Amino acid sequence: MAKVIFEFTESDAVTNDVPGHATVPVSISVGVEGLNDARPGHAECLALIMKRMAPGIIKALNAVYIRKLEESGVSGVKSEFFKVNLQ
């Protein structure tokens, strides 16, 4: 069975710190495991579609996360995407 894996790890990337702001650089990698190339079925096709659509999925998750932070009372929350590398 094919699995799509989204791995989120804190990055050592250098950020431009602004006084009073917290910055958390995160690296996101997306991979597929268990892909049956010899005889792909519906699971394999869906896994490949999800990997191809990963940037949009990540942006949607990010929007939900930002909204939840704002709803909890955190003010001035924003995020930026610096690089998307599809492999």
C-alpha atoms as a PDB file:
ATOM      1  CA  MET A   1       0.000   0.000   0.000  1.00  0.00           C
ATOM      2  CA  ALA A   2       1.321   3.424  -0.922  1.00  0.00           C
ATOM      3  CA  LYS A   3       1.834   6.026   1.814  1.00  0.00           C
ATOM      4  CA  VAL A   4       2.362   9.755   1.424  1.00  0.00           C
ATOM      5  CA  ILE A   5       4.602  11.087   4.195  1.00  0.00           C
ATOM      6  CA  PHE A   6       4.796  14.762   5.153  1.00  0.00           C
ATOM      7  CA  GLU A   7       7.805  15.328   7.426  1.00  0.00           C
ATOM      8  CA  PHE A   8       8.055  18.628   9.312  1.00  0.00           C
ATOM      9  CA  THR A   9      11.369  19.427  11.030  1.00  0.00           C
ATOM     10  CA  GLU A  10      12.781  22.572  12.564  1.00  0.00           C
ATOM     11  CA  SER A  11      15.400  24.017  10.255  1.00  0.00           C
ATOM     12  CA  ASP A  12      18.784  25.563  10.976  1.00  0.00           C
ATOM     13  CA  ALA A  13      18.014  28.227   8.389  1.00  0.00           C
ATOM     14  CA  VAL A  14      19.099  31.742   9.260  1.00  0.00           C
ATOM     15  CA  THR A  15      16.175  34.112   9.648  1.00  0.00           C
ATOM     16  CA  ASN A  16      15.933  37.883   9.709  1.00  0.00           C
ATOM     17  CA  ASP A  17      14.885  38.412  13.306  1.00  0.00           C
ATOM     18  CA  VAL A  18      12.756  41.431  14.078  1.00  0.00           C
ATOM     19  CA  PRO A  19      12.633  42.629  17.696  1.00  0.00           C
ATOM     20  CA  GLY A  20       9.449  41.387  19.363  1.00  0.00           C
ATOM     21  CA  HIS A  21       8.809  38.693  16.770  1.00  0.00           C
ATOM     22  CA  ALA A  22       9.350  34.958  17.110  1.00  0.00           C
ATOM     23  CA  THR A  23      10.569  33.085  14.056  1.00  0.00           C
ATOM     24  CA  VAL A  24      10.452  29.314  13.636  1.00  0.00           C
ATOM     25  CA  PRO A  25      12.032  28.090  10.390  1.00  0.00           C
ATOM     26  CA  VAL A  26      10.667  24.698   9.373  1.00  0.00           C
ATOM     27  CA  SER A  27      11.704  22.316   6.599  1.00  0.00           C
ATOM     28  CA  ILE A  28       8.996  20.197   5.021  1.00  0.00           C
ATOM     29  CA  SER A  29       9.713  17.117   2.952  1.00  0.00           C
ATOM     30  CA  VAL A  30       7.179  14.972   1.142  1.00  0.00           C
ATOM     31  CA  GLY A  31       7.781  11.399   0.112  1.00  0.00           C
ATOM     32  CA  VAL A  32       5.937   8.300  -1.052  1.00  0.00           C
ATOM     33  CA  GLU A  33       6.620   4.829   0.370  1.00  0.00           C
ATOM     34  CA  GLY A  34       5.346   1.460  -0.778  1.00  0.00           C
ATOM     35  CA  LEU A  35       4.751   2.494  -4.367  1.00  0.00           C
ATOM     36  CA  ASN A  36       4.016  -0.494  -6.609  1.00  0.00           C
ATOM     37  CA  ASP A  37       5.401   0.641  -9.966  1.00  0.00           C
ATOM     38  CA  ALA A  38       4.924  -2.778 -11.556  1.00  0.00           C
ATOM     39  CA  ARG A  39       1.176  -2.795 -11.034  1.00  0.00           C
ATOM     40  CA  PRO A  40      -0.082   0.571  -9.812  1.00  0.00           C
ATOM     41  CA  GLY A  41      -3.588   0.638  -8.407  1.00  0.00           C
ATOM     42  CA  HIS A  42      -5.870   3.335  -7.091  1.00  0.00           C
ATOM     43  CA  ALA A  43      -3.771   3.811  -3.922  1.00  0.00           C
ATOM     44  CA  GLU A  44      -0.617   4.436  -5.960  1.00  0.00           C
ATOM     45  CA  CYS A  45      -2.383   6.894  -8.258  1.00  0.00           C
ATOM     46  CA  LEU A  46      -3.846   8.812  -5.311  1.00  0.00           C
ATOM     47  CA  ALA A  47      -0.458   8.878  -3.538  1.00  0.00           C
ATOM     48  CA  LEU A  48       1.237  10.342  -6.618  1.00  0.00           C
ATOM     49  CA  ILE A  49      -1.510  12.960  -7.018  1.00  0.00           C
ATOM     50  CA  MET A  50      -1.132  13.948  -3.350  1.00  0.00           C
ATOM     51  CA  LYS A  51       2.645  14.260  -3.721  1.00  0.00           C
ATOM     52  CA  ARG A  52       2.231  16.440  -6.800  1.00  0.00           C
ATOM     53  CA  MET A  53      -0.343  18.598  -4.961  1.00  0.00           C
ATOM     54  CA  ALA A  54       1.786  18.780  -1.766  1.00  0.00           C
ATOM     55  CA  PRO A  55       2.547  22.539  -2.011  1.00  0.00           C
ATOM     56  CA  GLY A  56      -1.176  23.339  -2.068  1.00  0.00           C
ATOM     57  CA  ILE A  57      -1.896  20.898   0.766  1.00  0.00           C
ATOM     58  CA  ILE A  58       0.876  22.443   2.885  1.00  0.00           C
ATOM     59  CA  LYS A  59      -0.407  25.978   2.206  1.00  0.00           C
ATOM     60  CA  ALA A  60      -3.940  24.928   3.232  1.00  0.00           C
ATOM     61  CA  LEU A  61      -2.634  23.361   6.466  1.00  0.00           C
ATOM     62  CA  ASN A  62      -0.609  26.504   7.125  1.00  0.00           C
ATOM     63  CA  ALA A  63      -3.695  28.706   6.702  1.00  0.00           C
ATOM     64  CA  VAL A  64      -5.598  26.585   9.247  1.00  0.00           C
ATOM     65  CA  TYR A  65      -2.651  26.748  11.676  1.00  0.00           C
ATOM     66  CA  ILE A  66      -2.384  30.542  11.352  1.00  0.00           C
ATOM     67  CA  ARG A  67      -6.142  30.921  11.895  1.00  0.00           C
ATOM     68  CA  LYS A  68      -5.997  28.734  15.039  1.00  0.00           C
ATOM     69  CA  LEU A  69      -3.136  30.840  16.429  1.00  0.00           C
ATOM     70  CA  GLU A  70      -5.072  34.045  15.781  1.00  0.00           C
ATOM     71  CA  GLU A  71      -8.212  32.588  17.390  1.00  0.00           C
ATOM     72  CA  SER A  72      -6.177  31.726  20.492  1.00  0.00           C
ATOM     73  CA  GLY A  73      -5.288  35.397  20.926  1.00  0.00           C
ATOM     74  CA  VAL A  74      -1.865  35.535  19.293  1.00  0.00           C
ATOM     75  CA  SER A  75      -1.664  38.774  17.326  1.00  0.00           C
ATOM     76  CA  GLY A  76       0.318  39.661  14.228  1.00  0.00           C
ATOM     77  CA  VAL A  77       0.773  36.069  13.058  1.00  0.00           C
ATOM     78  CA  LYS A  78       2.087  35.572   9.530  1.00  0.00           C
ATOM     79  CA  SER A  79       4.105  33.062   7.584  1.00  0.00           C
ATOM     80  CA  GLU A  80       6.247  32.992   4.478  1.00  0.00           C
ATOM     81  CA  PHE A  81       7.266  30.195   2.163  1.00  0.00           C
ATOM     82  CA  PHE A  82      10.822  30.567   0.911  1.00  0.00           C
ATOM     83  CA  LYS A  83      11.453  27.517  -1.224  1.00  0.00           C
ATOM     84  CA  VAL A  84       9.502  24.574  -2.548  1.00  0.00           C
ATOM     85  CA  ASN A  85      11.658  21.768  -3.883  1.00  0.00           C
ATOM     86  CA  LEU A  86       9.772  18.873  -5.453  1.00  0.00           C
ATOM     87  CA  GLN A  87      11.880  15.761  -5.890  1.00  0.00           C
END
